[in-house]
């Protein structure tokens, strides 16, 4: 970095992705982990994996026009939700997963979250994943603090059966268009310095409000994204880099 950046802790907030940002590249993600539910229908596993194989390459292609990519990502998530409904996904299925075995936090993430909690820096997790799962993962690692807020997909159940989402679909490329809950708007009212963290470029362009300072940190999971990350990021974390780098930077 050629220029030193400092933050006012009282004005700072952090927006971060979850899957493969707070968790490792090789970790399960909020959707793929559903295939680990005991006794889940094998046809569901096959079809969800085929969907992933087709759409993931589109998600990772930063050269695809936004309107086209946005439409395809929405279709991917709609297909997955339809599969879960078709194969009778239940709310109680969440309880059959062992989250701290299926999800691995990146090095230093627990210390990073604890540091932000002690300094009362709001952390807003904006994820294309599933709210219930993100909460359960953080709780399994004893780091779901009261300064953490989650904006992600929320399942709607009726008599234990999945019926739909409670919110509009949040996927990897539409995070900048989501409605912010009033509670979070109020928290950010007096804050205008932000650190953005993510493993996709779209994570680094989330603008909830006008900010005096914006610092972008990319988690590089794929080397073919290095040139793009170098162009847009202030700091790049390689696969094995610790989140303690971010703590040290904020300090």
C-alpha atoms as a PDB file:
ATOM      1  CA  UNK A   1       0.000   0.000   0.000  1.00  0.00           C
ATOM      2  CA  UNK A   2       1.338   3.384  -0.993  1.00  0.00           C
ATOM      3  CA  UNK A   3      -0.874   5.463   1.263  1.00  0.00           C
ATOM      4  CA  UNK A   4      -1.583   4.965   4.948  1.00  0.00           C
ATOM      5  CA  UNK A   5      -5.269   4.865   5.892  1.00  0.00           C
ATOM      6  CA  UNK A   6      -6.556   5.428   9.407  1.00  0.00           C
ATOM      7  CA  UNK A   7     -10.065   5.034  10.777  1.00  0.00           C
ATOM      8  CA  UNK A   8     -12.098   6.593  13.556  1.00  0.00           C
ATOM      9  CA  UNK A   9     -13.270   3.510  15.470  1.00  0.00           C
ATOM     10  CA  UNK A  10     -16.435   5.342  16.522  1.00  0.00           C
ATOM     11  CA  UNK A  11     -17.396   5.949  12.895  1.00  0.00           C
ATOM     12  CA  UNK A  12     -16.296   2.590  11.470  1.00  0.00           C
ATOM     13  CA  UNK A  13     -18.483  -0.305  10.385  1.00  0.00           C
ATOM     14  CA  UNK A  14     -17.660  -3.460   8.444  1.00  0.00           C
ATOM     15  CA  UNK A  15     -19.607  -5.187   5.672  1.00  0.00           C
ATOM     16  CA  UNK A  16     -18.481  -8.724   4.930  1.00  0.00           C
ATOM     17  CA  UNK A  17     -19.519 -11.712   2.892  1.00  0.00           C
ATOM     18  CA  UNK A  18     -19.779 -15.070   4.676  1.00  0.00           C
ATOM     19  CA  UNK A  19     -19.215 -18.151   2.493  1.00  0.00           C
ATOM     20  CA  UNK A  20     -15.550 -18.498   1.482  1.00  0.00           C
ATOM     21  CA  UNK A  21     -14.800 -15.109   3.015  1.00  0.00           C
ATOM     22  CA  UNK A  22     -15.220 -15.689   6.744  1.00  0.00           C
ATOM     23  CA  UNK A  23     -14.981 -19.391   5.922  1.00  0.00           C
ATOM     24  CA  UNK A  24     -12.193 -21.076   3.962  1.00  0.00           C
ATOM     25  CA  UNK A  25     -12.268 -21.698   0.224  1.00  0.00           C
ATOM     26  CA  UNK A  26     -12.599 -25.447   0.829  1.00  0.00           C
ATOM     27  CA  UNK A  27     -15.354 -25.139   3.422  1.00  0.00           C
ATOM     28  CA  UNK A  28     -18.957 -26.096   2.753  1.00  0.00           C
ATOM     29  CA  UNK A  29     -21.262 -23.200   1.906  1.00  0.00           C
ATOM     30  CA  UNK A  30     -24.766 -22.493   3.163  1.00  0.00           C
ATOM     31  CA  UNK A  31     -26.448 -24.211   0.227  1.00  0.00           C
ATOM     32  CA  UNK A  32     -24.105 -27.123  -0.469  1.00  0.00           C
ATOM     33  CA  UNK A  33     -24.205 -28.174   3.189  1.00  0.00           C
ATOM     34  CA  UNK A  34     -27.879 -29.129   2.813  1.00  0.00           C
ATOM     35  CA  UNK A  35     -26.741 -32.184   0.850  1.00  0.00           C
ATOM     36  CA  UNK A  36     -25.122 -33.402   4.097  1.00  0.00           C
ATOM     37  CA  UNK A  37     -28.468 -33.765   5.867  1.00  0.00           C
ATOM     38  CA  UNK A  38     -28.871 -37.431   6.881  1.00  0.00           C
ATOM     39  CA  UNK A  39     -31.384 -39.338   4.740  1.00  0.00           C
ATOM     40  CA  UNK A  40     -31.977 -36.474   2.339  1.00  0.00           C
ATOM     41  CA  UNK A  41     -33.240 -37.690  -1.040  1.00  0.00           C
ATOM     42  CA  UNK A  42     -30.391 -38.725  -3.361  1.00  0.00           C
ATOM     43  CA  UNK A  43     -32.168 -37.154  -6.332  1.00  0.00           C
ATOM     44  CA  UNK A  44     -32.011 -33.800  -4.553  1.00  0.00           C
ATOM     45  CA  UNK A  45     -28.237 -34.179  -4.109  1.00  0.00           C
ATOM     46  CA  UNK A  46     -27.709 -35.060  -7.779  1.00  0.00           C
ATOM     47  CA  UNK A  47     -29.876 -32.228  -9.093  1.00  0.00           C
ATOM     48  CA  UNK A  48     -28.471 -29.576  -6.763  1.00  0.00           C
ATOM     49  CA  UNK A  49     -24.912 -30.565  -7.716  1.00  0.00           C
ATOM     50  CA  UNK A  50     -25.783 -30.381 -11.421  1.00  0.00           C
ATOM     51  CA  UNK A  51     -27.254 -26.924 -10.867  1.00  0.00           C
ATOM     52  CA  UNK A  52     -24.082 -25.851  -9.075  1.00  0.00           C
ATOM     53  CA  UNK A  53     -21.856 -27.201 -11.834  1.00  0.00           C
ATOM     54  CA  UNK A  54     -23.779 -25.202 -14.453  1.00  0.00           C
ATOM     55  CA  UNK A  55     -24.310 -21.898 -12.623  1.00  0.00           C
ATOM     56  CA  UNK A  56     -21.096 -21.612 -10.580  1.00  0.00           C
ATOM     57  CA  UNK A  57     -18.980 -21.043 -13.680  1.00  0.00           C
ATOM     58  CA  UNK A  58     -21.349 -18.219 -14.631  1.00  0.00           C
ATOM     59  CA  UNK A  59     -21.132 -16.702 -11.151  1.00  0.00           C
ATOM     60  CA  UNK A  60     -17.333 -16.655 -11.277  1.00  0.00           C
ATOM     61  CA  UNK A  61     -17.157 -15.130 -14.772  1.00  0.00           C
ATOM     62  CA  UNK A  62     -16.715 -11.383 -14.218  1.00  0.00           C
ATOM     63  CA  UNK A  63     -16.963 -10.633 -17.957  1.00  0.00           C
ATOM     64  CA  UNK A  64     -20.670 -11.517 -18.228  1.00  0.00           C
ATOM     65  CA  UNK A  65     -22.972  -8.494 -18.557  1.00  0.00           C
ATOM     66  CA  UNK A  66     -24.652  -7.607 -15.255  1.00  0.00           C
ATOM     67  CA  UNK A  67     -28.276  -7.885 -16.437  1.00  0.00           C
ATOM     68  CA  UNK A  68     -27.691 -11.336 -17.887  1.00  0.00           C
ATOM     69  CA  UNK A  69     -25.746 -12.559 -14.868  1.00  0.00           C
ATOM     70  CA  UNK A  70     -28.313 -11.161 -12.427  1.00  0.00           C
ATOM     71  CA  UNK A  71     -31.123 -13.018 -14.205  1.00  0.00           C
ATOM     72  CA  UNK A  72     -29.188 -16.297 -14.287  1.00  0.00           C
ATOM     73  CA  UNK A  73     -28.198 -16.093 -10.615  1.00  0.00           C
ATOM     74  CA  UNK A  74     -31.830 -15.520  -9.630  1.00  0.00           C
ATOM     75  CA  UNK A  75     -32.835 -18.558 -11.683  1.00  0.00           C
ATOM     76  CA  UNK A  76     -30.166 -20.670  -9.943  1.00  0.00           C
ATOM     77  CA  UNK A  77     -31.500 -19.820  -6.482  1.00  0.00           C
ATOM     78  CA  UNK A  78     -35.127 -20.267  -7.549  1.00  0.00           C
ATOM     79  CA  UNK A  79     -34.250 -23.724  -8.903  1.00  0.00           C
ATOM     80  CA  UNK A  80     -32.566 -24.686  -5.643  1.00  0.00           C
ATOM     81  CA  UNK A  81     -35.472 -23.501  -3.498  1.00  0.00           C
ATOM     82  CA  UNK A  82     -37.900 -25.392  -5.733  1.00  0.00           C
ATOM     83  CA  UNK A  83     -35.811 -28.540  -5.256  1.00  0.00           C
ATOM     84  CA  UNK A  84     -35.858 -28.159  -1.473  1.00  0.00           C
ATOM     85  CA  UNK A  85     -39.632 -27.757  -1.514  1.00  0.00           C
ATOM     86  CA  UNK A  86     -40.059 -30.717  -3.884  1.00  0.00           C
ATOM     87  CA  UNK A  87     -37.976 -32.988  -1.646  1.00  0.00           C
ATOM     88  CA  UNK A  88     -39.726 -31.862   1.558  1.00  0.00           C
ATOM     89  CA  UNK A  89     -37.005 -29.909   3.294  1.00  0.00           C
ATOM     90  CA  UNK A  90     -37.970 -29.317   6.931  1.00  0.00           C
ATOM     91  CA  UNK A  91     -37.001 -26.775   9.555  1.00  0.00           C
ATOM     92  CA  UNK A  92     -35.903 -29.609  11.831  1.00  0.00           C
ATOM     93  CA  UNK A  93     -33.386 -30.714   9.171  1.00  0.00           C
ATOM     94  CA  UNK A  94     -31.174 -27.812  10.283  1.00  0.00           C
ATOM     95  CA  UNK A  95     -30.747 -29.531  13.645  1.00  0.00           C
ATOM     96  CA  UNK A  96     -29.165 -32.624  12.094  1.00  0.00           C
ATOM     97  CA  UNK A  97     -26.053 -30.820  10.868  1.00  0.00           C
ATOM     98  CA  UNK A  98     -22.832 -30.457  12.838  1.00  0.00           C
ATOM     99  CA  UNK A  99     -21.824 -26.967  11.808  1.00  0.00           C
ATOM    100  CA  UNK A 100     -18.340 -26.674  13.275  1.00  0.00           C
ATOM    101  CA  UNK A 101     -17.333 -29.843  11.408  1.00  0.00           C
ATOM    102  CA  UNK A 102     -18.818 -28.806   8.064  1.00  0.00           C
ATOM    103  CA  UNK A 103     -17.735 -25.142   8.098  1.00  0.00           C
ATOM    104  CA  UNK A 104     -14.172 -23.996   8.709  1.00  0.00           C
ATOM    105  CA  UNK A 105     -13.547 -20.374   9.643  1.00  0.00           C
ATOM    106  CA  UNK A 106     -10.516 -18.721   8.067  1.00  0.00           C
ATOM    107  CA  UNK A 107      -7.440 -18.213  10.197  1.00  0.00           C
ATOM    108  CA  UNK A 108      -7.927 -15.310  12.583  1.00  0.00           C
ATOM    109  CA  UNK A 109     -11.663 -14.874  11.975  1.00  0.00           C
ATOM    110  CA  UNK A 110     -12.610 -15.634  15.590  1.00  0.00           C
ATOM    111  CA  UNK A 111     -10.054 -13.091  16.825  1.00  0.00           C
ATOM    112  CA  UNK A 112     -11.261 -10.574  14.242  1.00  0.00           C
ATOM    113  CA  UNK A 113     -14.890 -10.949  15.357  1.00  0.00           C
ATOM    114  CA  UNK A 114     -13.917 -10.737  19.020  1.00  0.00           C
ATOM    115  CA  UNK A 115     -11.872  -7.602  18.377  1.00  0.00           C
ATOM    116  CA  UNK A 116     -14.800  -5.939  16.570  1.00  0.00           C
ATOM    117  CA  UNK A 117     -17.104  -6.918  19.441  1.00  0.00           C
ATOM    118  CA  UNK A 118     -14.805  -5.423  22.078  1.00  0.00           C
ATOM    119  CA  UNK A 119     -14.515  -2.199  20.067  1.00  0.00           C
ATOM    120  CA  UNK A 120     -18.257  -2.323  19.280  1.00  0.00           C
ATOM    121  CA  UNK A 121     -17.649  -2.002  15.546  1.00  0.00           C
ATOM    122  CA  UNK A 122     -20.843  -3.148  13.762  1.00  0.00           C
ATOM    123  CA  UNK A 123     -20.276  -6.128  11.480  1.00  0.00           C
ATOM    124  CA  UNK A 124     -22.934  -6.586   8.812  1.00  0.00           C
ATOM    125  CA  UNK A 125     -22.793  -9.946   7.093  1.00  0.00           C
ATOM    126  CA  UNK A 126     -24.366  -9.571   3.654  1.00  0.00           C
ATOM    127  CA  UNK A 127     -24.635 -13.058   2.233  1.00  0.00           C
ATOM    128  CA  UNK A 128     -26.280 -15.026  -0.550  1.00  0.00           C
ATOM    129  CA  UNK A 129     -26.397 -17.828   2.015  1.00  0.00           C
ATOM    130  CA  UNK A 130     -29.026 -18.700   4.600  1.00  0.00           C
ATOM    131  CA  UNK A 131     -29.508 -16.697   7.793  1.00  0.00           C
ATOM    132  CA  UNK A 132     -30.284 -19.684  10.042  1.00  0.00           C
ATOM    133  CA  UNK A 133     -27.133 -21.486   8.938  1.00  0.00           C
ATOM    134  CA  UNK A 134     -24.844 -18.462   9.335  1.00  0.00           C
ATOM    135  CA  UNK A 135     -26.137 -17.955  12.875  1.00  0.00           C
ATOM    136  CA  UNK A 136     -25.675 -21.624  13.741  1.00  0.00           C
ATOM    137  CA  UNK A 137     -22.120 -21.667  12.360  1.00  0.00           C
ATOM    138  CA  UNK A 138     -21.066 -18.605  14.358  1.00  0.00           C
ATOM    139  CA  UNK A 139     -22.743 -19.943  17.489  1.00  0.00           C
ATOM    140  CA  UNK A 140     -20.970 -23.287  17.061  1.00  0.00           C
ATOM    141  CA  UNK A 141     -17.669 -21.355  17.136  1.00  0.00           C
ATOM    142  CA  UNK A 142     -18.855 -19.182  20.083  1.00  0.00           C
ATOM    143  CA  UNK A 143     -18.455 -15.946  18.129  1.00  0.00           C
ATOM    144  CA  UNK A 144     -21.993 -14.752  17.361  1.00  0.00           C
ATOM    145  CA  UNK A 145     -21.750 -11.403  19.151  1.00  0.00           C
ATOM    146  CA  UNK A 146     -24.379  -8.699  19.579  1.00  0.00           C
ATOM    147  CA  UNK A 147     -22.612  -6.353  17.155  1.00  0.00           C
ATOM    148  CA  UNK A 148     -23.121  -8.832  14.280  1.00  0.00           C
ATOM    149  CA  UNK A 149     -26.088  -8.373  11.952  1.00  0.00           C
ATOM    150  CA  UNK A 150     -27.006 -10.748   9.141  1.00  0.00           C
ATOM    151  CA  UNK A 151     -28.681  -9.885   5.850  1.00  0.00           C
ATOM    152  CA  UNK A 152     -29.215 -13.142   3.970  1.00  0.00           C
ATOM    153  CA  UNK A 153     -31.925 -15.469   2.685  1.00  0.00           C
ATOM    154  CA  UNK A 154     -34.570 -16.441   5.222  1.00  0.00           C
ATOM    155  CA  UNK A 155     -36.642 -19.589   4.770  1.00  0.00           C
ATOM    156  CA  UNK A 156     -40.377 -19.494   5.425  1.00  0.00           C
ATOM    157  CA  UNK A 157     -41.771 -22.663   6.983  1.00  0.00           C
ATOM    158  CA  UNK A 158     -45.327 -23.833   7.630  1.00  0.00           C
ATOM    159  CA  UNK A 159     -45.854 -26.814   9.948  1.00  0.00           C
ATOM    160  CA  UNK A 160     -42.136 -27.579   9.672  1.00  0.00           C
ATOM    161  CA  UNK A 161     -42.221 -27.692   5.830  1.00  0.00           C
ATOM    162  CA  UNK A 162     -40.362 -25.189   3.656  1.00  0.00           C
ATOM    163  CA  UNK A 163     -42.803 -23.053   1.652  1.00  0.00           C
ATOM    164  CA  UNK A 164     -40.745 -20.172   0.251  1.00  0.00           C
ATOM    165  CA  UNK A 165     -38.344 -17.393   1.190  1.00  0.00           C
ATOM    166  CA  UNK A 166     -39.467 -14.606   3.504  1.00  0.00           C
ATOM    167  CA  UNK A 167     -37.430 -12.083   1.524  1.00  0.00           C
ATOM    168  CA  UNK A 168     -36.535 -11.412  -2.092  1.00  0.00           C
ATOM    169  CA  UNK A 169     -33.720 -13.688  -3.219  1.00  0.00           C
ATOM    170  CA  UNK A 170     -30.259 -12.445  -2.288  1.00  0.00           C
ATOM    171  CA  UNK A 171     -27.627 -13.865  -4.603  1.00  0.00           C
ATOM    172  CA  UNK A 172     -23.997 -13.077  -5.295  1.00  0.00           C
ATOM    173  CA  UNK A 173     -24.488 -10.145  -7.667  1.00  0.00           C
ATOM    174  CA  UNK A 174     -27.547  -8.270  -6.344  1.00  0.00           C
ATOM    175  CA  UNK A 175     -26.318  -7.439  -2.838  1.00  0.00           C
ATOM    176  CA  UNK A 176     -26.117  -3.749  -3.711  1.00  0.00           C
ATOM    177  CA  UNK A 177     -29.867  -3.647  -4.398  1.00  0.00           C
ATOM    178  CA  UNK A 178     -31.272  -5.146  -1.210  1.00  0.00           C
ATOM    179  CA  UNK A 179     -33.441  -3.290   1.275  1.00  0.00           C
ATOM    180  CA  UNK A 180     -31.639  -2.550   4.521  1.00  0.00           C
ATOM    181  CA  UNK A 181     -33.580  -3.302   7.716  1.00  0.00           C
ATOM    182  CA  UNK A 182     -34.506  -0.176   9.679  1.00  0.00           C
ATOM    183  CA  UNK A 183     -32.524  -1.424  12.690  1.00  0.00           C
ATOM    184  CA  UNK A 184     -29.313  -1.473  10.660  1.00  0.00           C
ATOM    185  CA  UNK A 185     -30.030   1.919   9.092  1.00  0.00           C
ATOM    186  CA  UNK A 186     -30.323   3.372  12.578  1.00  0.00           C
ATOM    187  CA  UNK A 187     -27.034   1.806  13.696  1.00  0.00           C
ATOM    188  CA  UNK A 188     -25.218   3.212  10.667  1.00  0.00           C
ATOM    189  CA  UNK A 189     -26.742   6.650  11.010  1.00  0.00           C
ATOM    190  CA  UNK A 190     -23.670   8.094  12.738  1.00  0.00           C
ATOM    191  CA  UNK A 191     -21.084   5.999  10.879  1.00  0.00           C
ATOM    192  CA  UNK A 192     -19.488   6.940   7.574  1.00  0.00           C
ATOM    193  CA  UNK A 193     -16.272   4.901   7.398  1.00  0.00           C
ATOM    194  CA  UNK A 194     -16.537   1.355   6.050  1.00  0.00           C
ATOM    195  CA  UNK A 195     -14.394  -1.691   5.362  1.00  0.00           C
ATOM    196  CA  UNK A 196     -15.764  -4.053   2.707  1.00  0.00           C
ATOM    197  CA  UNK A 197     -14.608  -7.704   2.708  1.00  0.00           C
ATOM    198  CA  UNK A 198     -15.449 -10.382   0.160  1.00  0.00           C
ATOM    199  CA  UNK A 199     -14.284 -13.058  -2.224  1.00  0.00           C
ATOM    200  CA  UNK A 200     -16.280 -11.755  -5.216  1.00  0.00           C
ATOM    201  CA  UNK A 201     -15.911  -8.330  -6.791  1.00  0.00           C
ATOM    202  CA  UNK A 202     -19.623  -7.678  -6.221  1.00  0.00           C
ATOM    203  CA  UNK A 203     -18.980  -7.897  -2.454  1.00  0.00           C
ATOM    204  CA  UNK A 204     -16.691  -4.884  -2.741  1.00  0.00           C
ATOM    205  CA  UNK A 205     -19.258  -2.538  -4.250  1.00  0.00           C
ATOM    206  CA  UNK A 206     -21.996  -2.655  -1.617  1.00  0.00           C
ATOM    207  CA  UNK A 207     -23.059   0.901  -0.836  1.00  0.00           C
ATOM    208  CA  UNK A 208     -25.641   1.212   1.917  1.00  0.00           C
ATOM    209  CA  UNK A 209     -24.933   4.944   2.216  1.00  0.00           C
ATOM    210  CA  UNK A 210     -22.433   7.645   1.296  1.00  0.00           C
ATOM    211  CA  UNK A 211     -19.206   7.083   3.191  1.00  0.00           C
ATOM    212  CA  UNK A 212     -16.314   9.407   3.908  1.00  0.00           C
ATOM    213  CA  UNK A 213     -13.888   6.478   3.708  1.00  0.00           C
ATOM    214  CA  UNK A 214     -14.166   3.074   2.048  1.00  0.00           C
ATOM    215  CA  UNK A 215     -11.468   0.398   2.242  1.00  0.00           C
ATOM    216  CA  UNK A 216     -11.813  -2.794   0.185  1.00  0.00           C
ATOM    217  CA  UNK A 217     -10.343  -6.155   1.179  1.00  0.00           C
ATOM    218  CA  UNK A 218     -10.480  -9.058  -1.261  1.00  0.00           C
ATOM    219  CA  UNK A 219     -10.171 -12.694  -0.190  1.00  0.00           C
ATOM    220  CA  UNK A 220      -8.412 -14.271  -3.145  1.00  0.00           C
ATOM    221  CA  UNK A 221      -9.649 -17.844  -3.583  1.00  0.00           C
ATOM    222  CA  UNK A 222      -8.866 -18.158  -7.291  1.00  0.00           C
ATOM    223  CA  UNK A 223      -5.635 -16.908  -8.837  1.00  0.00           C
ATOM    224  CA  UNK A 224      -7.350 -16.001 -12.109  1.00  0.00           C
ATOM    225  CA  UNK A 225      -9.042 -13.159 -10.214  1.00  0.00           C
ATOM    226  CA  UNK A 226      -5.763 -11.629  -9.059  1.00  0.00           C
ATOM    227  CA  UNK A 227      -5.595  -8.891 -11.725  1.00  0.00           C
ATOM    228  CA  UNK A 228      -9.154  -7.756 -11.000  1.00  0.00           C
ATOM    229  CA  UNK A 229      -8.527  -7.766  -7.259  1.00  0.00           C
ATOM    230  CA  UNK A 230      -5.338  -5.754  -7.723  1.00  0.00           C
ATOM    231  CA  UNK A 231      -7.354  -3.213  -9.663  1.00  0.00           C
ATOM    232  CA  UNK A 232     -10.133  -2.724  -7.115  1.00  0.00           C
ATOM    233  CA  UNK A 233      -8.835  -3.840  -3.702  1.00  0.00           C
ATOM    234  CA  UNK A 234      -6.821  -1.876  -1.149  1.00  0.00           C
ATOM    235  CA  UNK A 235      -5.711  -5.126   0.489  1.00  0.00           C
ATOM    236  CA  UNK A 236      -5.711  -8.728  -0.733  1.00  0.00           C
ATOM    237  CA  UNK A 237      -5.794 -11.739   1.572  1.00  0.00           C
ATOM    238  CA  UNK A 238      -4.310 -14.849  -0.006  1.00  0.00           C
ATOM    239  CA  UNK A 239      -5.767 -18.294   0.740  1.00  0.00           C
ATOM    240  CA  UNK A 240      -3.760 -18.859   3.930  1.00  0.00           C
ATOM    241  CA  UNK A 241      -3.564 -15.257   5.165  1.00  0.00           C
ATOM    242  CA  UNK A 242      -4.992 -14.568   8.606  1.00  0.00           C
ATOM    243  CA  UNK A 243      -7.788 -12.116   9.389  1.00  0.00           C
ATOM    244  CA  UNK A 244      -5.429 -10.821  12.053  1.00  0.00           C
ATOM    245  CA  UNK A 245      -3.981  -8.745   9.207  1.00  0.00           C
ATOM    246  CA  UNK A 246      -7.241  -6.796   9.241  1.00  0.00           C
ATOM    247  CA  UNK A 247      -7.134  -6.399  13.024  1.00  0.00           C
ATOM    248  CA  UNK A 248      -3.565  -5.119  12.806  1.00  0.00           C
ATOM    249  CA  UNK A 249      -4.544  -2.742  10.025  1.00  0.00           C
ATOM    250  CA  UNK A 250      -7.490  -1.284  11.989  1.00  0.00           C
ATOM    251  CA  UNK A 251      -5.327  -0.893  15.101  1.00  0.00           C
END
